[in-house]
Amino acid sequence: MNQREADVAESFTRAVDRVIGLAPDLVLIGGDVFHTVRPTNLAILHAFTQFSRLVRELPGAIVVMVAGNHDMPRSTETTCILRLFTPLGIHVVHGSSRRLSFSEHGLSILAVPDLPPGSVTLEPDPTMRLNVLLLHGEVEGVIPLHAEHTDRTALTIPVEAISAPEWSYVALGHYHVYKRVGPNAYYSGATEYTSSNVWGEIEEQRSQKLPGKGLIERDLETGKQTFHPLPVVREFLDLPRIEGRGMSATDLDHAIGAHAARVAGGVDGKVVRQVARNVPRHVGRELDHRALRELQRRALHFHLDTRRPEVIRRNASGAPGRRPSLADMLRDSLRGRVLTSDIDRDALVELGLHYLREAEQVGAVRDRPTAAEES
């Protein structure tokens, strides 16, 4: 976790470097600057240092930031952490929407933080030549299934509200992958892999033929837009999936080793997942765990995701269907549980699944025969 925190900090530094290099007149930050309303002191210090550098290097730029659902406290006694950046000259919008007018540029910015659905009327300013809508939320019907409802519910945005031609540009925050959702409306995506389903993000990026994470440069006058990829700090690799049906443990060992061996530069220091479908429990127990531990030692994180064959209910009462796995039941239980405002649901779900995987691995080790039993 400490290493990934350092990775995220380095990615943010590189993003600020790129913005300074582009030297825009306007910088829009769509929320979720932090992952929690109470970030660590180190995270706060790093963010303050980088935003100070941004403002110092771009003294003439307008910088506007809205609070996302991770930044926005759910308790009235808790202050929004983003207010720390107001003394830097950044327009920080939280708690309620605000319209910022810059008549010298003929520009109006309606800044909308994460708020309850239906609480804001999204209308451009007819007196201004350029209208920008900056908001954090989930546009109805455009978020892939893997990313829906994975954290505290964000502002729900009707597609029609962001599709009005009067909007020169709609800058959206919340979804972690670059995506066009309207005539002039875009999610810029995140600058790093920080969601509870990074593999879903990678699949989405692959389907859109995106090079990875990045940021958007937009010319409000001409509508020209450029997506600027950001160089990765650490590589995430989702290895080709293995169909384990009919495979012995030795066959599966060879397939896993072959996929890892074909990684350019090796798996060292990378975040790697290997999915193997239809692997019976007894085959998983017989895998070469010493070889797997070596891959885990070399990589920053190596996760072997063995998925057992689905069990179809044929004779029990009710209609046939797939029996939910223990992981499915745990995930649904934690997502539906009532939490206090200072507990991050994503982190809770991921921690629960992590403990479940650890318990299954311990069980697999205990179930393996000893040398005496094998003889």
Protein backbone atom coordinates (compact mmCIF):
# COMPACT_ATOMS: atom_id res chain seq x y z
CA MET A 1 0.00 0.00 0.00
CA ASN A 2 2.81 2.44 0.79
CA GLN A 3 4.34 1.80 -2.64
CA ARG A 4 1.04 2.39 -4.41
CA GLU A 5 0.55 5.64 -2.47
CA ALA A 6 3.95 6.73 -3.77
CA ASP A 7 2.89 5.70 -7.30
CA VAL A 8 -0.28 7.78 -7.12
CA ALA A 9 1.70 10.78 -5.84
CA GLU A 10 4.19 10.44 -8.71
CA SER A 11 1.35 10.16 -11.26
CA PHE A 12 -0.20 13.35 -9.91
CA THR A 13 3.13 15.14 -10.15
CA ARG A 14 3.44 14.05 -13.79
CA ALA A 15 -0.10 15.27 -14.49
CA VAL A 16 0.76 18.70 -13.06
CA ASP A 17 3.94 18.71 -15.16
CA ARG A 18 1.88 18.11 -18.30
CA VAL A 19 -0.64 20.84 -17.44
CA ILE A 20 2.15 23.34 -16.84
CA GLY A 21 3.69 22.35 -20.16
CA LEU A 22 0.40 22.93 -21.99
CA ALA A 23 0.00 26.36 -20.29
CA PRO A 24 -3.82 26.60 -20.55
CA ASP A 25 -5.90 29.64 -19.66
CA LEU A 26 -8.30 27.47 -17.63
CA VAL A 27 -7.74 24.35 -15.52
CA LEU A 28 -10.75 22.24 -14.51
CA ILE A 29 -10.52 19.62 -11.76
CA GLY A 30 -13.55 17.32 -11.60
CA GLY A 31 -13.35 16.08 -8.02
CA ASP A 32 -12.12 13.06 -6.07
CA VAL A 33 -8.79 14.75 -5.50
CA PHE A 34 -8.48 12.45 -2.49
CA HIS A 35 -9.88 8.98 -1.90
CA THR A 36 -11.32 9.83 1.51
CA VAL A 37 -12.62 12.87 3.35
CA ARG A 38 -9.80 12.37 5.88
CA PRO A 39 -6.64 11.77 3.83
CA THR A 40 -3.25 11.25 5.39
CA ASN A 41 -1.05 14.25 6.21
CA LEU A 42 1.45 13.06 3.58
CA ALA A 43 -1.23 13.03 0.87
CA ILE A 44 -2.44 16.50 1.88
CA LEU A 45 1.09 17.90 1.88
CA HIS A 46 1.90 16.44 -1.52
CA ALA A 47 -1.33 17.76 -3.08
CA PHE A 48 -0.79 21.22 -1.57
CA THR A 49 2.80 21.30 -2.87
CA GLN A 50 1.76 20.33 -6.40
CA PHE A 51 -1.22 22.71 -6.59
CA SER A 52 1.03 25.50 -5.28
CA ARG A 53 3.47 24.73 -8.07
CA LEU A 54 0.65 24.73 -10.64
CA VAL A 55 -0.63 28.14 -9.56
CA ARG A 56 2.90 29.57 -9.35
CA GLU A 57 3.87 28.38 -12.84
CA LEU A 58 0.56 29.45 -14.41
CA PRO A 59 -0.13 32.81 -12.69
CA GLY A 60 -2.68 33.92 -15.28
CA ALA A 61 -4.71 30.70 -15.37
CA ILE A 62 -8.15 30.25 -13.84
CA VAL A 63 -8.22 27.07 -11.72
CA VAL A 64 -11.59 25.64 -10.69
CA MET A 65 -12.09 22.53 -8.53
CA VAL A 66 -15.30 20.78 -7.47
CA ALA A 67 -15.64 18.25 -4.66
CA GLY A 68 -16.37 14.66 -5.62
CA ASN A 69 -18.22 12.01 -3.65
CA HIS A 70 -14.93 10.91 -2.03
CA ASP A 71 -14.05 14.51 -1.07
CA MET A 72 -17.48 15.50 0.18
CA PRO A 73 -18.06 14.85 3.90
CA ARG A 74 -21.41 13.33 4.81
CA SER A 75 -21.38 14.92 8.26
CA THR A 76 -22.11 18.61 8.80
CA GLU A 77 -19.44 18.64 11.51
CA THR A 78 -16.72 17.70 9.01
CA THR A 79 -15.07 20.35 6.84
CA CYS A 80 -14.36 19.62 3.19
CA ILE A 81 -10.62 19.01 2.91
CA LEU A 82 -10.45 20.80 -0.47
CA ARG A 83 -10.95 24.16 1.27
CA LEU A 84 -7.22 24.02 2.06
CA PHE A 85 -6.51 24.98 -1.55
CA THR A 86 -8.61 28.18 -1.54
CA PRO A 87 -5.74 30.40 -0.24
CA LEU A 88 -3.74 29.38 -3.31
CA GLY A 89 -6.24 31.23 -5.49
CA ILE A 90 -8.08 28.08 -6.64
CA HIS A 91 -11.86 28.37 -6.95
CA VAL A 92 -12.96 25.46 -4.73
CA VAL A 93 -16.67 24.60 -5.00
CA HIS A 94 -18.22 22.27 -2.40
CA GLY A 95 -21.46 22.01 -0.48
CA SER A 96 -23.51 23.72 -3.19
CA SER A 97 -23.18 24.67 -6.85
CA ARG A 98 -21.72 28.01 -7.87
CA ARG A 99 -21.67 29.99 -11.12
CA LEU A 100 -18.37 31.72 -11.81
CA SER A 101 -18.41 34.54 -14.34
CA PHE A 102 -15.35 35.94 -16.13
CA SER A 103 -16.75 38.71 -18.31
CA GLU A 104 -13.32 39.65 -19.67
CA HIS A 105 -13.28 36.23 -21.38
CA GLY A 106 -17.03 36.07 -22.09
CA LEU A 107 -16.95 32.92 -19.96
CA SER A 108 -19.36 31.40 -17.46
CA ILE A 109 -18.52 28.25 -15.48
CA LEU A 110 -21.27 26.41 -13.64
CA ALA A 111 -19.38 24.35 -11.04
CA VAL A 112 -21.36 21.52 -9.45
CA PRO A 113 -19.87 19.28 -6.73
CA ASP A 114 -21.30 15.91 -5.71
CA LEU A 115 -24.84 16.72 -4.56
CA PRO A 116 -28.14 14.84 -4.10
CA PRO A 117 -29.84 13.98 -7.44
CA GLY A 118 -32.22 16.68 -8.68
CA SER A 119 -30.86 19.37 -6.39
CA VAL A 120 -29.26 21.46 -9.15
CA THR A 121 -30.70 22.99 -12.31
CA LEU A 122 -28.11 22.71 -15.05
CA GLU A 123 -28.62 25.77 -17.26
CA PRO A 124 -26.06 27.82 -19.21
CA ASP A 125 -25.81 31.59 -18.88
CA PRO A 126 -27.42 33.11 -22.02
CA THR A 127 -25.49 36.37 -21.54
CA MET A 128 -22.10 34.71 -21.98
CA ARG A 129 -20.41 33.65 -25.22
CA LEU A 130 -18.75 30.59 -23.68
CA ASN A 131 -20.45 28.29 -21.18
CA VAL A 132 -18.63 25.52 -19.34
CA LEU A 133 -20.26 22.97 -17.05
CA LEU A 134 -17.93 21.36 -14.52
CA LEU A 135 -19.53 18.68 -12.39
CA HIS A 136 -18.90 15.44 -10.57
CA GLY A 137 -21.41 12.63 -10.96
CA GLU A 138 -22.68 9.60 -12.83
CA VAL A 139 -24.32 10.20 -16.20
CA GLU A 140 -27.32 7.91 -16.55
CA GLY A 141 -26.81 4.90 -18.79
CA VAL A 142 -23.17 5.51 -19.77
CA ILE A 143 -21.19 3.93 -16.94
CA PRO A 144 -20.22 0.28 -17.66
CA LEU A 145 -21.59 -2.39 -15.33
CA HIS A 146 -18.17 -3.03 -13.77
CA ALA A 147 -18.03 0.58 -12.51
CA GLU A 148 -21.61 1.08 -11.34
CA HIS A 149 -22.36 1.43 -7.62
CA THR A 150 -18.83 0.55 -6.53
CA ASP A 151 -18.66 3.40 -4.06
CA ARG A 152 -20.84 5.92 -2.28
CA THR A 153 -23.55 7.00 -4.66
CA ALA A 154 -22.61 10.05 -6.72
CA LEU A 155 -24.82 12.73 -8.24
CA THR A 156 -26.98 11.19 -10.99
CA ILE A 157 -26.97 13.27 -14.17
CA PRO A 158 -29.61 12.94 -16.92
CA VAL A 159 -28.06 12.74 -20.39
CA GLU A 160 -30.35 15.54 -21.62
CA ALA A 161 -28.96 17.94 -19.00
CA ILE A 162 -25.46 17.80 -20.46
CA SER A 163 -26.44 17.61 -24.13
CA ALA A 164 -27.68 21.18 -24.63
CA PRO A 165 -25.78 22.77 -27.56
CA GLU A 166 -25.35 25.95 -25.50
CA TRP A 167 -22.69 24.19 -23.43
CA SER A 168 -19.31 24.95 -25.02
CA TYR A 169 -17.86 22.13 -22.95
CA VAL A 170 -18.97 19.77 -20.17
CA ALA A 171 -16.12 18.51 -17.97
CA LEU A 172 -17.10 15.47 -15.91
CA GLY A 173 -15.48 13.81 -12.92
CA HIS A 174 -16.28 10.45 -11.28
CA TYR A 175 -15.68 7.74 -13.89
CA HIS A 176 -12.02 6.65 -14.09
CA VAL A 177 -11.78 6.08 -17.87
CA TYR A 178 -11.73 8.72 -20.64
CA LYS A 179 -15.17 8.67 -22.24
CA ARG A 180 -17.37 10.84 -24.45
CA VAL A 181 -20.94 10.98 -23.12
CA GLY A 182 -22.48 13.87 -25.07
CA PRO A 183 -21.85 16.27 -27.99
CA ASN A 184 -19.38 18.32 -25.90
CA ALA A 185 -19.33 16.24 -22.71
CA TYR A 186 -16.42 14.08 -21.56
CA TYR A 187 -15.08 12.19 -18.58
CA SER A 188 -11.34 12.83 -18.45
CA GLY A 189 -10.76 9.69 -16.38
CA ALA A 190 -8.34 9.31 -13.48
CA THR A 191 -4.60 9.91 -13.50
CA GLU A 192 -3.92 6.52 -11.86
CA TYR A 193 -5.51 3.12 -11.20
CA THR A 194 -7.20 3.66 -7.84
CA SER A 195 -10.71 2.20 -8.15
CA SER A 196 -11.95 -1.08 -6.68
CA ASN A 197 -11.93 -2.65 -10.16
CA VAL A 198 -8.79 -1.64 -12.03
CA TRP A 199 -9.12 -4.69 -14.30
CA GLY A 200 -12.52 -3.48 -15.46
CA GLU A 201 -10.92 -0.13 -16.25
CA ILE A 202 -8.20 -1.83 -18.26
CA GLU A 203 -10.77 -3.82 -20.25
CA GLU A 204 -12.70 -0.61 -20.95
CA GLN A 205 -9.53 1.18 -22.07
CA ARG A 206 -8.67 -1.76 -24.31
CA SER A 207 -12.14 -1.73 -25.89
CA GLN A 208 -11.77 1.99 -26.67
CA LYS A 209 -8.16 1.53 -27.85
CA LEU A 210 -6.96 4.04 -25.26
CA PRO A 211 -3.28 4.13 -24.34
CA GLY A 212 -4.11 4.39 -20.63
CA LYS A 213 -4.68 7.28 -18.23
CA GLY A 214 -4.40 10.91 -19.23
CA LEU A 215 -5.99 14.34 -19.31
CA ILE A 216 -7.98 16.46 -21.75
CA GLU A 217 -6.93 19.62 -23.59
CA ARG A 218 -9.89 21.51 -25.08
CA ASP A 219 -10.05 24.66 -27.21
CA LEU A 220 -13.34 26.33 -26.23
CA GLU A 221 -13.35 28.52 -29.32
CA THR A 222 -12.85 25.83 -31.96
CA GLY A 223 -13.97 22.71 -30.10
CA LYS A 224 -10.70 20.96 -30.93
CA GLN A 225 -9.87 18.36 -28.31
CA THR A 226 -6.78 16.30 -27.53
CA PHE A 227 -6.40 13.46 -25.05
CA HIS A 228 -2.90 13.56 -23.58
CA PRO A 229 -1.76 10.16 -22.23
CA LEU A 230 0.26 10.23 -19.03
CA PRO A 231 3.29 7.93 -18.73
CA VAL A 232 2.66 5.03 -16.38
CA VAL A 233 4.49 4.88 -13.07
CA ARG A 234 3.83 1.15 -12.68
CA GLU A 235 2.56 -1.30 -15.26
CA PHE A 236 -0.70 -3.20 -14.72
CA LEU A 237 -0.90 -6.46 -16.65
CA ASP A 238 -3.98 -8.62 -17.11
CA LEU A 239 -2.49 -11.81 -18.58
CA PRO A 240 -4.41 -13.82 -21.21
CA ARG A 241 -7.09 -15.90 -19.54
CA ILE A 242 -6.61 -19.63 -19.14
CA GLU A 243 -9.42 -22.11 -19.80
CA GLY A 244 -8.75 -24.68 -17.11
CA ARG A 245 -11.43 -27.19 -18.03
CA GLY A 246 -9.77 -30.60 -18.38
CA MET A 247 -6.36 -29.33 -17.25
CA SER A 248 -4.30 -31.09 -14.61
CA ALA A 249 -2.44 -29.07 -11.98
CA THR A 250 0.78 -29.62 -13.94
CA ASP A 251 -0.86 -28.34 -17.15
CA LEU A 252 -2.10 -25.25 -15.32
CA ASP A 253 1.33 -24.66 -13.76
CA HIS A 254 2.92 -24.72 -17.22
CA ALA A 255 0.31 -22.33 -18.65
CA ILE A 256 0.76 -19.83 -15.80
CA GLY A 257 4.55 -19.99 -16.10
CA ALA A 258 4.42 -19.56 -19.89
CA HIS A 259 2.22 -16.45 -19.66
CA ALA A 260 4.49 -14.90 -17.01
CA ALA A 261 7.60 -15.72 -19.05
CA ARG A 262 6.21 -13.91 -22.11
CA VAL A 263 5.81 -10.59 -20.24
CA ALA A 264 8.20 -8.06 -21.78
CA GLY A 265 10.76 -7.18 -19.13
CA GLY A 266 9.33 -9.78 -16.76
CA VAL A 267 6.74 -9.40 -14.02
CA ASP A 268 9.20 -7.73 -11.65
CA GLY A 269 7.71 -4.72 -9.85
CA LYS A 270 4.45 -4.89 -11.82
CA VAL A 271 0.83 -5.48 -10.80
CA VAL A 272 -0.26 -8.71 -12.47
CA ARG A 273 -3.45 -10.74 -12.64
CA GLN A 274 -3.84 -14.21 -14.11
CA VAL A 275 -7.41 -15.47 -14.45
CA ALA A 276 -7.96 -19.21 -14.85
CA ARG A 277 -11.54 -20.32 -15.41
CA ASN A 278 -13.18 -23.65 -14.58
CA VAL A 279 -10.49 -24.81 -12.16
CA PRO A 280 -11.86 -27.41 -9.71
CA ARG A 281 -10.90 -27.00 -6.07
CA HIS A 282 -8.69 -30.11 -6.01
CA VAL A 283 -6.67 -28.87 -9.01
CA GLY A 284 -6.11 -25.52 -7.29
CA ARG A 285 -4.79 -27.32 -4.23
CA GLU A 286 -2.25 -29.27 -6.28
CA LEU A 287 -0.68 -26.26 -8.01
CA ASP A 288 3.02 -25.52 -7.59
CA HIS A 289 2.66 -23.01 -4.76
CA ARG A 290 6.41 -22.52 -4.52
CA ALA A 291 6.46 -21.24 -8.12
CA LEU A 292 3.48 -19.01 -7.38
CA ARG A 293 5.21 -17.56 -4.32
CA GLU A 294 8.23 -16.75 -6.49
CA LEU A 295 6.01 -14.81 -8.92
CA GLN A 296 4.44 -13.01 -5.95
CA ARG A 297 7.90 -12.15 -4.64
CA ARG A 298 9.05 -10.68 -7.95
CA ALA A 299 5.93 -8.70 -8.79
CA LEU A 300 4.63 -5.84 -6.66
CA HIS A 301 1.39 -7.82 -6.68
CA PHE A 302 0.63 -11.10 -8.46
CA HIS A 303 -2.93 -12.39 -8.16
CA LEU A 304 -3.92 -15.81 -9.45
CA ASP A 305 -7.71 -15.70 -9.82
CA THR A 306 -8.86 -19.32 -10.12
CA ARG A 307 -12.58 -19.55 -10.76
CA ARG A 308 -14.30 -22.82 -10.08
CA PRO A 309 -16.93 -24.24 -12.47
CA GLU A 310 -20.37 -22.72 -11.98
CA VAL A 311 -22.80 -24.90 -10.08
CA ILE A 312 -26.19 -25.18 -11.77
CA ARG A 313 -29.14 -25.93 -9.52
CA ARG A 314 -31.29 -28.59 -11.21
CA ASN A 315 -33.29 -30.42 -8.53
CA ALA A 316 -33.85 -27.84 -5.84
CA SER A 317 -36.98 -25.73 -5.66
CA GLY A 318 -37.13 -22.65 -7.84
CA ALA A 319 -35.77 -21.98 -11.29
CA PRO A 320 -32.32 -23.24 -12.32
CA GLY A 321 -29.58 -20.69 -12.00
CA ARG A 322 -26.02 -20.05 -10.92
CA ARG A 323 -25.39 -20.46 -7.22
CA PRO A 324 -23.68 -17.32 -5.91
CA SER A 325 -20.13 -17.82 -4.70
CA LEU A 326 -19.01 -16.94 -1.19
CA ALA A 327 -17.21 -13.91 -2.66
CA ASP A 328 -20.45 -12.79 -4.36
CA MET A 329 -22.39 -13.09 -1.11
CA LEU A 330 -19.70 -11.25 0.87
CA ARG A 331 -19.50 -8.46 -1.72
CA ASP A 332 -23.30 -7.98 -1.78
CA SER A 333 -23.46 -8.02 2.03
CA LEU A 334 -20.77 -5.38 2.47
CA ARG A 335 -22.18 -3.14 -0.27
CA GLY A 336 -25.60 -3.19 1.40
CA ARG A 337 -24.38 -2.66 4.93
CA VAL A 338 -25.11 0.65 6.67
CA LEU A 339 -21.84 2.47 7.36
CA THR A 340 -20.78 5.57 9.23
CA SER A 341 -19.61 8.51 7.14
CA ASP A 342 -15.90 8.00 7.84
CA ILE A 343 -15.73 4.43 6.48
CA ASP A 344 -14.87 4.03 2.81
CA ARG A 345 -17.12 1.35 1.31
CA ASP A 346 -14.72 0.50 -1.54
CA ALA A 347 -11.92 -0.11 0.93
CA LEU A 348 -14.19 -2.20 3.17
CA VAL A 349 -15.31 -4.45 0.29
CA GLU A 350 -11.78 -4.89 -1.00
CA LEU A 351 -10.47 -5.68 2.50
CA GLY A 352 -13.21 -8.26 3.05
CA LEU A 353 -12.45 -9.97 -0.26
CA HIS A 354 -8.73 -9.85 0.56
CA TYR A 355 -9.33 -11.66 3.86
CA LEU A 356 -11.53 -14.21 2.11
CA ARG A 357 -8.81 -14.94 -0.45
CA GLU A 358 -6.26 -15.31 2.35
CA ALA A 359 -8.55 -17.74 4.18
CA GLU A 360 -9.02 -19.82 1.03
CA GLN A 361 -5.27 -19.91 0.44
CA VAL A 362 -4.66 -21.05 4.03
CA GLY A 363 -7.30 -23.72 3.58
CA ALA A 364 -5.69 -24.89 0.36
CA VAL A 365 -2.30 -25.21 2.10
CA ARG A 366 -3.82 -27.17 4.99
CA ASP A 367 -5.60 -29.51 2.58
CA ARG A 368 -2.41 -30.38 0.66
CA PRO A 369 -1.04 -33.83 1.62
CA THR A 370 2.17 -33.94 3.62
CA ALA A 371 5.26 -35.74 2.36
CA ALA A 372 4.49 -38.63 4.71
CA GLU A 373 0.95 -38.91 3.37
CA GLU A 374 2.17 -38.84 -0.23
CA SER A 375 4.63 -41.65 0.48
